[in-house]
C-alpha atoms as a PDB file:
ATOM      1  CA  MET A   1      67.345  94.041  68.609  1.00  0.00           C
ATOM      2  CA  LYS A   2      65.180  91.568  66.768  1.00  0.00           C
ATOM      3  CA  ILE A   3      64.827  88.149  68.331  1.00  0.00           C
ATOM      4  CA  THR A   4      65.527  86.173  65.165  1.00  0.00           C
ATOM      5  CA  LEU A   5      68.825  87.922  64.513  1.00  0.00           C
ATOM      6  CA  PHE A   6      69.952  87.588  68.103  1.00  0.00           C
ATOM      7  CA  ALA A   7      69.130  83.871  68.158  1.00  0.00           C
ATOM      8  CA  LEU A   8      71.135  83.364  64.969  1.00  0.00           C
ATOM      9  CA  LEU A   9      74.134  85.247  66.305  1.00  0.00           C
ATOM     10  CA  PHE A  10      74.007  83.465  69.640  1.00  0.00           C
ATOM     11  CA  CYS A  11      73.875  80.034  68.053  1.00  0.00           C
ATOM     12  CA  THR A  12      76.678  80.647  65.601  1.00  0.00           C
ATOM     13  CA  ILE A  13      79.122  82.223  68.051  1.00  0.00           C
ATOM     14  CA  LEU A  14      79.912  79.434  70.487  1.00  0.00           C
ATOM     15  CA  ILE A  15      83.201  80.549  71.967  1.00  0.00           C
ATOM     16  CA  ALA A  16      84.684  83.860  72.967  1.00  0.00           C
ATOM     17  CA  VAL A  17      87.166  85.356  70.575  1.00  0.00           C
ATOM     18  CA  PRO A  18      90.462  86.862  71.717  1.00  0.00           C
ATOM     19  CA  VAL A  19      90.411  90.403  73.021  1.00  0.00           C
ATOM     20  CA  PHE A  20      91.657  92.860  70.421  1.00  0.00           C
ATOM     21  CA  ARG A  21      92.790  96.437  70.472  1.00  0.00           C
ATOM     22  CA  GLN A  22      92.782  99.008  67.716  1.00  0.00           C
ATOM     23  CA  SER A  23      94.424 102.357  67.478  1.00  0.00           C
ATOM     24  CA  SER A  24      92.286 105.451  67.665  1.00  0.00           C
ATOM     25  CA  SER A  25      92.715 105.956  63.925  1.00  0.00           C
ATOM     26  CA  LEU A  26      89.675 105.102  61.853  1.00  0.00           C
ATOM     27  CA  VAL A  27      89.431 101.883  59.877  1.00  0.00           C
ATOM     28  CA  SER A  28      90.330 102.743  56.300  1.00  0.00           C
ATOM     29  CA  GLY A  29      87.798 102.430  53.509  1.00  0.00           C
ATOM     30  CA  GLN A  30      84.839 102.395  55.872  1.00  0.00           C
ATOM     31  CA  VAL A  31      83.309 105.833  55.505  1.00  0.00           C
ATOM     32  CA  GLN A  32      79.885 106.642  54.217  1.00  0.00           C
ATOM     33  CA  PRO A  33      78.316 110.080  53.818  1.00  0.00           C
ATOM     34  CA  ALA A  34      75.255 111.080  55.775  1.00  0.00           C
ATOM     35  CA  THR A  35      73.163 110.764  52.634  1.00  0.00           C
ATOM     36  CA  THR A  36      70.228 113.003  53.350  1.00  0.00           C
ATOM     37  CA  PRO A  37      69.806 116.683  52.475  1.00  0.00           C
ATOM     38  CA  ASP A  38      67.172 117.082  55.180  1.00  0.00           C
ATOM     39  CA  LEU A  39      69.600 117.307  58.096  1.00  0.00           C
ATOM     40  CA  PRO A  40      71.549 120.539  57.419  1.00  0.00           C
ATOM     41  CA  ASN A  41      70.978 121.802  60.952  1.00  0.00           C
ATOM     42  CA  VAL A  42      71.868 118.503  62.598  1.00  0.00           C
ATOM     43  CA  ILE A  43      74.887 117.006  60.831  1.00  0.00           C
ATOM     44  CA  ALA A  44      78.152 118.946  61.072  1.00  0.00           C
ATOM     45  CA  PRO A  45      79.271 120.394  57.692  1.00  0.00           C
ATOM     46  CA  GLY A  46      81.182 117.766  55.720  1.00  0.00           C
ATOM     47  CA  ALA A  47      80.715 115.101  58.383  1.00  0.00           C
ATOM     48  CA  LYS A  48      80.752 111.452  57.379  1.00  0.00           C
ATOM     49  CA  VAL A  49      79.920 108.242  59.156  1.00  0.00           C
ATOM     50  CA  GLU A  50      83.230 106.777  60.316  1.00  0.00           C
ATOM     51  CA  LYS A  51      83.929 103.229  61.465  1.00  0.00           C
ATOM     52  CA  VAL A  52      85.794 103.280  64.773  1.00  0.00           C
ATOM     53  CA  ALA A  53      86.143  99.532  65.472  1.00  0.00           C
ATOM     54  CA  GLY A  54      84.815  96.217  64.224  1.00  0.00           C
ATOM     55  CA  ASP A  55      84.805  92.412  64.451  1.00  0.00           C
ATOM     56  CA  PHE A  56      82.259  92.237  67.259  1.00  0.00           C
ATOM     57  CA  GLY A  57      79.405  89.747  67.636  1.00  0.00           C
ATOM     58  CA  PHE A  58      76.367  92.029  68.009  1.00  0.00           C
ATOM     59  CA  ILE A  59      76.871  95.305  69.852  1.00  0.00           C
ATOM     60  CA  GLU A  60      74.411  97.502  71.723  1.00  0.00           C
ATOM     61  CA  GLY A  61      73.959 100.057  74.496  1.00  0.00           C
ATOM     62  CA  PRO A  62      76.599 102.781  73.877  1.00  0.00           C
ATOM     63  CA  VAL A  63      77.090 105.162  76.806  1.00  0.00           C
ATOM     64  CA  TRP A  64      79.780 107.826  77.233  1.00  0.00           C
ATOM     65  CA  ARG A  65      81.636 108.126  80.538  1.00  0.00           C
ATOM     66  CA  LYS A  66      82.788 111.522  81.781  1.00  0.00           C
ATOM     67  CA  GLU A  67      86.263 110.028  82.141  1.00  0.00           C
ATOM     68  CA  GLY A  68      86.472 110.175  78.345  1.00  0.00           C
ATOM     69  CA  TYR A  69      85.607 106.759  76.981  1.00  0.00           C
ATOM     70  CA  LEU A  70      82.665 104.812  75.568  1.00  0.00           C
ATOM     71  CA  LEU A  71      81.133 101.642  76.970  1.00  0.00           C
ATOM     72  CA  PHE A  72      78.948  99.306  74.928  1.00  0.00           C
ATOM     73  CA  THR A  73      77.796  95.702  75.064  1.00  0.00           C
ATOM     74  CA  ASP A  74      78.624  92.706  72.875  1.00  0.00           C
ATOM     75  CA  ILE A  75      75.630  90.525  73.650  1.00  0.00           C
ATOM     76  CA  PRO A  76      76.476  87.084  72.160  1.00  0.00           C
ATOM     77  CA  ARG A  77      80.069  87.305  73.432  1.00  0.00           C
ATOM     78  CA  ASN A  78      78.767  88.160  76.911  1.00  0.00           C
ATOM     79  CA  ARG A  79      80.919  91.253  77.406  1.00  0.00           C
ATOM     80  CA  ILE A  80      80.750  94.934  78.154  1.00  0.00           C
ATOM     81  CA  MET A  81      83.365  96.607  75.980  1.00  0.00           C
ATOM     82  CA  LYS A  82      85.330  99.822  76.409  1.00  0.00           C
ATOM     83  CA  TRP A  83      86.560 102.097  73.620  1.00  0.00           C
ATOM     84  CA  HIS A  84      89.070 104.816  74.468  1.00  0.00           C
ATOM     85  CA  PRO A  85      90.132 107.408  71.858  1.00  0.00           C
ATOM     86  CA  LYS A  86      93.808 106.721  72.616  1.00  0.00           C
ATOM     87  CA  ASP A  87      93.869 103.130  73.815  1.00  0.00           C
ATOM     88  CA  GLY A  88      91.307 101.549  71.501  1.00  0.00           C
ATOM     89  CA  VAL A  89      89.125  98.578  72.470  1.00  0.00           C
ATOM     90  CA  SER A  90      89.323  96.453  75.606  1.00  0.00           C
ATOM     91  CA  VAL A  91      87.005  94.345  77.774  1.00  0.00           C
ATOM     92  CA  PHE A  92      85.396  96.290  80.622  1.00  0.00           C
ATOM     93  CA  ARG A  93      83.354  93.477  82.216  1.00  0.00           C
ATOM     94  CA  GLU A  94      83.139  89.752  81.508  1.00  0.00           C
ATOM     95  CA  PRO A  95      80.814  87.977  81.843  1.00  0.00           C
ATOM     96  CA  SER A  96      78.135  90.595  81.394  1.00  0.00           C
ATOM     97  CA  GLU A  97      75.063  88.354  81.791  1.00  0.00           C
ATOM     98  CA  GLN A  98      74.365  89.288  78.146  1.00  0.00           C
ATOM     99  CA  ALA A  99      73.903  92.944  79.004  1.00  0.00           C
ATOM    100  CA  ASN A 100      72.081  95.062  76.419  1.00  0.00           C
ATOM    101  CA  GLY A 101      71.213  98.700  77.208  1.00  0.00           C
ATOM    102  CA  LEU A 102      73.514 100.697  79.491  1.00  0.00           C
ATOM    103  CA  ALA A 103      73.208 103.955  81.428  1.00  0.00           C
ATOM    104  CA  VAL A 104      75.215 105.917  83.985  1.00  0.00           C
ATOM    105  CA  ASP A 105      73.525 107.348  87.077  1.00  0.00           C
ATOM    106  CA  ALA A 106      74.183 110.651  88.871  1.00  0.00           C
ATOM    107  CA  LYS A 107      76.932 109.039  90.964  1.00  0.00           C
ATOM    108  CA  GLY A 108      78.730 107.677  87.923  1.00  0.00           C
ATOM    109  CA  ARG A 109      77.684 104.069  88.489  1.00  0.00           C
ATOM    110  CA  LEU A 110      76.987 101.849  85.482  1.00  0.00           C
ATOM    111  CA  LEU A 111      73.496 100.368  85.094  1.00  0.00           C
ATOM    112  CA  ALA A 112      72.804  97.500  82.718  1.00  0.00           C
ATOM    113  CA  CYS A 113      69.761  95.706  81.348  1.00  0.00           C
ATOM    114  CA  GLU A 114      70.715  92.027  81.315  1.00  0.00           C
ATOM    115  CA  HIS A 115      69.167  89.357  79.137  1.00  0.00           C
ATOM    116  CA  LYS A 116      70.678  86.332  80.854  1.00  0.00           C
ATOM    117  CA  GLY A 117      70.351  87.806  84.314  1.00  0.00           C
ATOM    118  CA  ARG A 118      66.778  88.934  83.508  1.00  0.00           C
ATOM    119  CA  ARG A 119      67.426  91.976  85.644  1.00  0.00           C
ATOM    120  CA  VAL A 120      68.551  95.585  85.845  1.00  0.00           C
ATOM    121  CA  SER A 121      71.906  95.687  87.586  1.00  0.00           C
ATOM    122  CA  ARG A 122      74.242  98.360  88.931  1.00  0.00           C
ATOM    123  CA  THR A 123      78.020  98.192  89.160  1.00  0.00           C
ATOM    124  CA  GLU A 124      79.085  99.796  92.433  1.00  0.00           C
ATOM    125  CA  ALA A 125      82.191 101.923  92.981  1.00  0.00           C
ATOM    126  CA  ASP A 126      84.067  98.872  94.285  1.00  0.00           C
ATOM    127  CA  GLY A 127      83.160  96.813  91.201  1.00  0.00           C
ATOM    128  CA  LYS A 128      80.479  94.721  92.885  1.00  0.00           C
ATOM    129  CA  VAL A 129      77.420  94.106  90.693  1.00  0.00           C
ATOM    130  CA  THR A 130      74.113  94.633  92.500  1.00  0.00           C
ATOM    131  CA  THR A 131      70.648  93.531  91.368  1.00  0.00           C
ATOM    132  CA  LEU A 132      68.272  96.500  91.362  1.00  0.00           C
ATOM    133  CA  VAL A 133      65.243  94.574  90.130  1.00  0.00           C
ATOM    134  CA  ASP A 134      64.587  91.145  88.617  1.00  0.00           C
ATOM    135  CA  LYS A 135      60.965  90.403  89.501  1.00  0.00           C
ATOM    136  CA  PHE A 136      57.548  91.977  89.193  1.00  0.00           C
ATOM    137  CA  GLU A 137      54.871  90.777  91.609  1.00  0.00           C
ATOM    138  CA  GLY A 138      56.932  87.677  92.342  1.00  0.00           C
ATOM    139  CA  LYS A 139      57.495  86.719  88.699  1.00  0.00           C
ATOM    140  CA  ARG A 140      60.787  86.978  86.839  1.00  0.00           C
ATOM    141  CA  LEU A 141      61.175  89.733  84.300  1.00  0.00           C
ATOM    142  CA  ASN A 142      61.435  88.732  80.634  1.00  0.00           C
ATOM    143  CA  SER A 143      64.759  90.187  79.462  1.00  0.00           C
ATOM    144  CA  PRO A 144      65.233  93.891  80.269  1.00  0.00           C
ATOM    145  CA  ASN A 145      66.409  95.716  77.167  1.00  0.00           C
ATOM    146  CA  ASP A 146      67.008  99.455  77.601  1.00  0.00           C
ATOM    147  CA  LEU A 147      66.634 102.157  80.232  1.00  0.00           C
ATOM    148  CA  ALA A 148      66.511 105.908  80.882  1.00  0.00           C
ATOM    149  CA  PHE A 149      66.323 108.198  83.922  1.00  0.00           C
ATOM    150  CA  GLY A 150      63.300 110.301  84.879  1.00  0.00           C
ATOM    151  CA  ARG A 151      63.308 113.703  86.593  1.00  0.00           C
ATOM    152  CA  ASP A 152      63.433 112.248  90.105  1.00  0.00           C
ATOM    153  CA  GLY A 153      66.091 109.655  89.328  1.00  0.00           C
ATOM    154  CA  SER A 154      63.574 106.882  88.685  1.00  0.00           C
ATOM    155  CA  ILE A 155      64.691 104.233  86.209  1.00  0.00           C
ATOM    156  CA  TYR A 156      62.341 103.630  83.289  1.00  0.00           C
ATOM    157  CA  PHE A 157      63.066 100.428  81.391  1.00  0.00           C
ATOM    158  CA  THR A 158      61.641  98.134  78.726  1.00  0.00           C
ATOM    159  CA  ASP A 159      61.173  94.390  79.154  1.00  0.00           C
ATOM    160  CA  PRO A 160      60.579  92.547  75.856  1.00  0.00           C
ATOM    161  CA  PRO A 161      60.968  88.768  75.394  1.00  0.00           C
ATOM    162  CA  TYR A 162      63.936  88.996  72.997  1.00  0.00           C
ATOM    163  CA  GLY A 163      66.437  87.268  75.303  1.00  0.00           C
ATOM    164  CA  LEU A 164      64.141  84.465  76.496  1.00  0.00           C
ATOM    165  CA  PRO A 165      64.926  81.825  73.812  1.00  0.00           C
ATOM    166  CA  GLN A 166      68.437  81.547  75.276  1.00  0.00           C
ATOM    167  CA  GLN A 167      67.176  80.885  78.825  1.00  0.00           C
ATOM    168  CA  LYS A 168      66.286  77.535  80.407  1.00  0.00           C
ATOM    169  CA  GLU A 169      63.342  79.052  82.229  1.00  0.00           C
ATOM    170  CA  GLY A 170      60.491  80.393  80.130  1.00  0.00           C
ATOM    171  CA  LYS A 171      58.347  83.492  80.210  1.00  0.00           C
ATOM    172  CA  GLU A 172      56.603  84.073  83.546  1.00  0.00           C
ATOM    173  CA  LEU A 173      54.818  87.357  82.847  1.00  0.00           C
ATOM    174  CA  ASP A 174      51.909  87.508  80.421  1.00  0.00           C
ATOM    175  CA  PHE A 175      52.897  90.913  78.996  1.00  0.00           C
ATOM    176  CA  ASN A 176      55.912  92.814  77.682  1.00  0.00           C
ATOM    177  CA  GLY A 177      56.044  95.909  79.806  1.00  0.00           C
ATOM    178  CA  VAL A 178      57.480  99.342  80.338  1.00  0.00           C
ATOM    179  CA  TYR A 179      58.406  99.843  84.012  1.00  0.00           C
ATOM    180  CA  ARG A 180      59.379 102.539  86.469  1.00  0.00           C
ATOM    181  CA  LEU A 181      61.700 101.778  89.387  1.00  0.00           C
ATOM    182  CA  THR A 182      61.748 104.615  91.920  1.00  0.00           C
ATOM    183  CA  PRO A 183      64.805 105.583  94.002  1.00  0.00           C
ATOM    184  CA  LYS A 184      63.027 103.873  96.921  1.00  0.00           C
ATOM    185  CA  GLY A 185      62.914 100.586  95.009  1.00  0.00           C
ATOM    186  CA  GLU A 186      59.202 100.633  94.173  1.00  0.00           C
ATOM    187  CA  LEU A 187      58.481  98.948  90.827  1.00  0.00           C
ATOM    188  CA  THR A 188      55.434  99.854  88.735  1.00  0.00           C
ATOM    189  CA  ALA A 189      54.344  98.439  85.380  1.00  0.00           C
ATOM    190  CA  LEU A 190      53.414 101.622  83.498  1.00  0.00           C
ATOM    191  CA  VAL A 191      52.333 100.152  80.147  1.00  0.00           C
ATOM    192  CA  LYS A 192      51.445  96.538  79.362  1.00  0.00           C
ATOM    193  CA  ASP A 193      50.159  96.655  75.781  1.00  0.00           C
ATOM    194  CA  PHE A 194      53.484  96.735  73.909  1.00  0.00           C
ATOM    195  CA  GLU A 195      54.270  93.883  71.561  1.00  0.00           C
ATOM    196  CA  GLY A 196      58.024  94.372  71.730  1.00  0.00           C
ATOM    197  CA  PRO A 197      59.135  97.437  73.742  1.00  0.00           C
ATOM    198  CA  ASN A 198      62.718  98.265  72.920  1.00  0.00           C
ATOM    199  CA  GLY A 199      64.568 101.602  72.926  1.00  0.00           C
ATOM    200  CA  ILE A 200      63.528 104.236  75.458  1.00  0.00           C
ATOM    201  CA  ALA A 201      64.438 107.923  75.856  1.00  0.00           C
ATOM    202  CA  PHE A 202      63.210 111.138  77.458  1.00  0.00           C
ATOM    203  CA  SER A 203      62.753 114.592  75.996  1.00  0.00           C
ATOM    204  CA  PRO A 204      65.258 117.153  77.389  1.00  0.00           C
ATOM    205  CA  ASP A 205      62.733 118.414  79.979  1.00  0.00           C
ATOM    206  CA  ARG A 206      61.805 114.829  80.965  1.00  0.00           C
ATOM    207  CA  LYS A 207      58.130 115.576  80.324  1.00  0.00           C
ATOM    208  CA  THR A 208      57.819 113.208  77.338  1.00  0.00           C
ATOM    209  CA  LEU A 209      58.874 109.569  77.203  1.00  0.00           C
ATOM    210  CA  TYR A 210      59.561 107.843  73.883  1.00  0.00           C
ATOM    211  CA  VAL A 211      59.407 104.048  73.554  1.00  0.00           C
ATOM    212  CA  ALA A 212      60.048 101.998  70.417  1.00  0.00           C
ATOM    213  CA  ASP A 213      57.760  99.068  69.620  1.00  0.00           C
ATOM    214  CA  SER A 214      59.925  97.123  67.182  1.00  0.00           C
ATOM    215  CA  PRO A 215      57.403  94.595  65.784  1.00  0.00           C
ATOM    216  CA  LYS A 216      54.849  97.353  65.159  1.00  0.00           C
ATOM    217  CA  GLY A 217      57.338  99.623  63.410  1.00  0.00           C
ATOM    218  CA  HIS A 218      56.706 102.776  65.381  1.00  0.00           C
ATOM    219  CA  VAL A 219      57.824 104.945  68.286  1.00  0.00           C
ATOM    220  CA  ARG A 220      55.216 105.879  70.857  1.00  0.00           C
ATOM    221  CA  ALA A 221      55.252 109.026  72.987  1.00  0.00           C
ATOM    222  CA  PHE A 222      53.780 109.472  76.467  1.00  0.00           C
ATOM    223  CA  ASP A 223      53.251 112.479  78.687  1.00  0.00           C
ATOM    224  CA  VAL A 224      55.046 112.050  82.004  1.00  0.00           C
ATOM    225  CA  LYS A 225      52.800 113.116  84.875  1.00  0.00           C
ATOM    226  CA  ALA A 226      54.023 114.775  88.068  1.00  0.00           C
ATOM    227  CA  ASP A 227      53.852 111.468  89.939  1.00  0.00           C
ATOM    228  CA  GLY A 228      56.020 109.743  87.320  1.00  0.00           C
ATOM    229  CA  THR A 229      53.229 107.760  85.665  1.00  0.00           C
ATOM    230  CA  LEU A 230      52.396 108.018  81.967  1.00  0.00           C
ATOM    231  CA  ALA A 231      49.406 109.385  80.074  1.00  0.00           C
ATOM    232  CA  ASN A 232      48.254 110.222  76.553  1.00  0.00           C
ATOM    233  CA  GLY A 233      50.073 107.443  74.737  1.00  0.00           C
ATOM    234  CA  ARG A 234      50.206 108.016  70.976  1.00  0.00           C
ATOM    235  CA  VAL A 235      52.245 107.076  67.917  1.00  0.00           C
ATOM    236  CA  PHE A 236      55.015 109.638  67.556  1.00  0.00           C
ATOM    237  CA  ALA A 237      56.710 108.350  64.395  1.00  0.00           C
ATOM    238  CA  GLU A 238      56.784 105.407  62.007  1.00  0.00           C
ATOM    239  CA  VAL A 239      60.196 103.697  61.717  1.00  0.00           C
ATOM    240  CA  ARG A 240      61.269 100.536  59.927  1.00  0.00           C
ATOM    241  CA  GLY A 241      62.559  98.312  62.708  1.00  0.00           C
ATOM    242  CA  PRO A 242      62.936 100.890  65.494  1.00  0.00           C
ATOM    243  CA  ASP A 243      65.450  99.937  68.156  1.00  0.00           C
ATOM    244  CA  GLY A 244      67.600 102.118  70.435  1.00  0.00           C
ATOM    245  CA  MET A 245      66.929 105.846  70.782  1.00  0.00           C
ATOM    246  CA  LYS A 246      68.434 109.084  72.035  1.00  0.00           C
ATOM    247  CA  VAL A 247      67.336 112.753  72.091  1.00  0.00           C
ATOM    248  CA  ASP A 248      69.367 115.934  71.565  1.00  0.00           C
ATOM    249  CA  VAL A 249      69.079 119.270  73.378  1.00  0.00           C
ATOM    250  CA  LYS A 250      66.652 120.598  70.753  1.00  0.00           C
ATOM    251  CA  GLY A 251      64.307 117.685  71.301  1.00  0.00           C
ATOM    252  CA  ASN A 252      65.158 115.876  68.068  1.00  0.00           C
ATOM    253  CA  VAL A 253      64.684 112.117  68.391  1.00  0.00           C
ATOM    254  CA  TYR A 254      67.279 109.710  66.963  1.00  0.00           C
ATOM    255  CA  SER A 255      65.919 106.195  66.430  1.00  0.00           C
ATOM    256  CA  THR A 256      68.010 103.416  64.984  1.00  0.00           C
ATOM    257  CA  GLY A 257      66.258 101.388  62.309  1.00  0.00           C
ATOM    258  CA  VAL A 258      66.632  99.830  58.898  1.00  0.00           C
ATOM    259  CA  GLY A 259      69.159 101.803  56.867  1.00  0.00           C
ATOM    260  CA  GLY A 260      70.621 103.884  59.672  1.00  0.00           C
ATOM    261  CA  VAL A 261      69.571 106.387  62.335  1.00  0.00           C
ATOM    262  CA  TRP A 262      66.194 107.998  61.655  1.00  0.00           C
ATOM    263  CA  VAL A 263      65.977 111.581  62.909  1.00  0.00           C
ATOM    264  CA  PHE A 264      62.713 113.348  63.822  1.00  0.00           C
ATOM    265  CA  ASP A 265      62.043 116.766  65.255  1.00  0.00           C
ATOM    266  CA  LYS A 266      60.095 117.065  68.507  1.00  0.00           C
ATOM    267  CA  ALA A 267      56.822 117.288  66.576  1.00  0.00           C
ATOM    268  CA  GLY A 268      57.452 113.943  64.890  1.00  0.00           C
ATOM    269  CA  LYS A 269      58.463 115.312  61.486  1.00  0.00           C
ATOM    270  CA  LYS A 270      61.070 113.120  59.805  1.00  0.00           C
ATOM    271  CA  LEU A 271      64.218 115.140  59.123  1.00  0.00           C
ATOM    272  CA  GLY A 272      66.137 112.348  57.417  1.00  0.00           C
ATOM    273  CA  VAL A 273      68.243 109.243  57.926  1.00  0.00           C
ATOM    274  CA  ILE A 274      71.920 109.052  58.839  1.00  0.00           C
ATOM    275  CA  ALA A 275      72.880 106.148  56.583  1.00  0.00           C
ATOM    276  CA  THR A 276      75.129 103.381  57.894  1.00  0.00           C
ATOM    277  CA  SER A 277      76.643 100.390  56.110  1.00  0.00           C
ATOM    278  CA  GLU A 278      75.408  98.074  58.875  1.00  0.00           C
ATOM    279  CA  THR A 279      71.982  98.388  60.466  1.00  0.00           C
ATOM    280  CA  PRO A 280      72.464 100.082  63.857  1.00  0.00           C
ATOM    281  CA  ALA A 281      70.899  98.677  67.008  1.00  0.00           C
ATOM    282  CA  ASN A 282      71.505 101.680  69.252  1.00  0.00           C
ATOM    283  CA  CYS A 283      73.179 105.056  69.478  1.00  0.00           C
ATOM    284  CA  GLY A 284      74.512 107.466  72.077  1.00  0.00           C
ATOM    285  CA  PHE A 285      76.117 110.896  72.314  1.00  0.00           C
ATOM    286  CA  GLY A 286      79.707 111.317  73.375  1.00  0.00           C
ATOM    287  CA  ASP A 287      82.968 113.259  73.426  1.00  0.00           C
ATOM    288  CA  ALA A 288      83.557 116.258  75.684  1.00  0.00           C
ATOM    289  CA  ASP A 289      80.967 118.415  73.909  1.00  0.00           C
ATOM    290  CA  PHE A 290      78.436 115.570  73.484  1.00  0.00           C
ATOM    291  CA  LYS A 291      78.251 116.377  69.756  1.00  0.00           C
ATOM    292  CA  THR A 292      79.446 113.027  68.421  1.00  0.00           C
ATOM    293  CA  LEU A 293      76.816 110.382  67.780  1.00  0.00           C
ATOM    294  CA  TYR A 294      78.186 106.885  68.355  1.00  0.00           C
ATOM    295  CA  MET A 295      76.300 104.027  66.712  1.00  0.00           C
ATOM    296  CA  THR A 296      76.505 100.332  67.584  1.00  0.00           C
ATOM    297  CA  ALA A 297      75.726  98.555  64.316  1.00  0.00           C
ATOM    298  CA  ARG A 298      75.850  94.767  64.365  1.00  0.00           C
ATOM    299  CA  THR A 299      79.603  94.016  64.176  1.00  0.00           C
ATOM    300  CA  GLY A 300      80.881  97.597  63.986  1.00  0.00           C
ATOM    301  CA  LEU A 301      81.115 100.753  66.089  1.00  0.00           C
ATOM    302  CA  TYR A 302      80.550 103.959  64.087  1.00  0.00           C
ATOM    303  CA  ARG A 303      80.365 107.687  64.768  1.00  0.00           C
ATOM    304  CA  ILE A 304      79.470 110.998  63.122  1.00  0.00           C
ATOM    305  CA  ARG A 305      79.898 114.616  64.199  1.00  0.00           C
ATOM    306  CA  LEU A 306      76.784 116.730  64.760  1.00  0.00           C
ATOM    307  CA  GLN A 307      76.028 120.413  65.194  1.00  0.00           C
ATOM    308  CA  VAL A 308      73.614 119.713  68.040  1.00  0.00           C
ATOM    309  CA  ALA A 309      74.641 118.269  71.394  1.00  0.00           C
ATOM    310  CA  GLY A 310      72.883 115.328  72.942  1.00  0.00           C
ATOM    311  CA  ALA A 311      70.668 115.779  75.968  1.00  0.00           C
ATOM    312  CA  LYS A 312      72.628 114.576  78.995  1.00  0.00           C
ATOM    313  CA  PRO A 313      70.987 112.249  81.521  1.00  0.00           C
END
């Protein structure tokens, strides 16, 4: 998410709006074809982008729960939202400390990157929210943005400054980093030369890590070494405004950006763009077969059916 847009949304939305619910039927008149002929082996035949729900502030971080529903964040309204195919939309957690990226660990617990909290948190089985990390070498993190799990269960997350303008305290670190938090709680800054690290995702075998650098307009790839550190950083693909990312079982990379979701094969070749009527900030796979791509796009939640399943964490 770009800082200027977030600041605008945050300033204009001063009070929470009433909770709303929608039926599982799609909003009429809000369909748009996946307008690219380069994705015949990715998009399901005849599939269209469908709007599932709308009227949000600025949504992010979609993650599918095995119980059969989607969670996502509404950052300026300070909520984590829930969408159920039968029950529609409801509030899952409020306040959310302006949570952005979400993930679910091996035990089914929800992890969140929080702008206001300036931390990575975990919601325990009893509903208690625990801080996993909020400082590096004694200094507060900037505003954790997105996260992904490594082979050993380590949490890799990005820490850009996008949420700082809304905080009373300023920036304490002199870099915008990519971090690794091990299961033992050891925090390492893996990369410090990003201008604005944003979306983050692993290849299916967890041997390659992809990180978006939004201001620079590209996605970088890194080899993941046996000890969990990174090597051989290089530009994987050029994207206009790259944000959240996911990867499917074939290794195709889905990066949100200007115009929709940009899709690349594992070699970095652009396959095409899944066009959306609102610019998406993030995406995530869902449904029982993991073949539906859900997209959080500004004020609306969208989806499209694919032929390829997403890589599960």
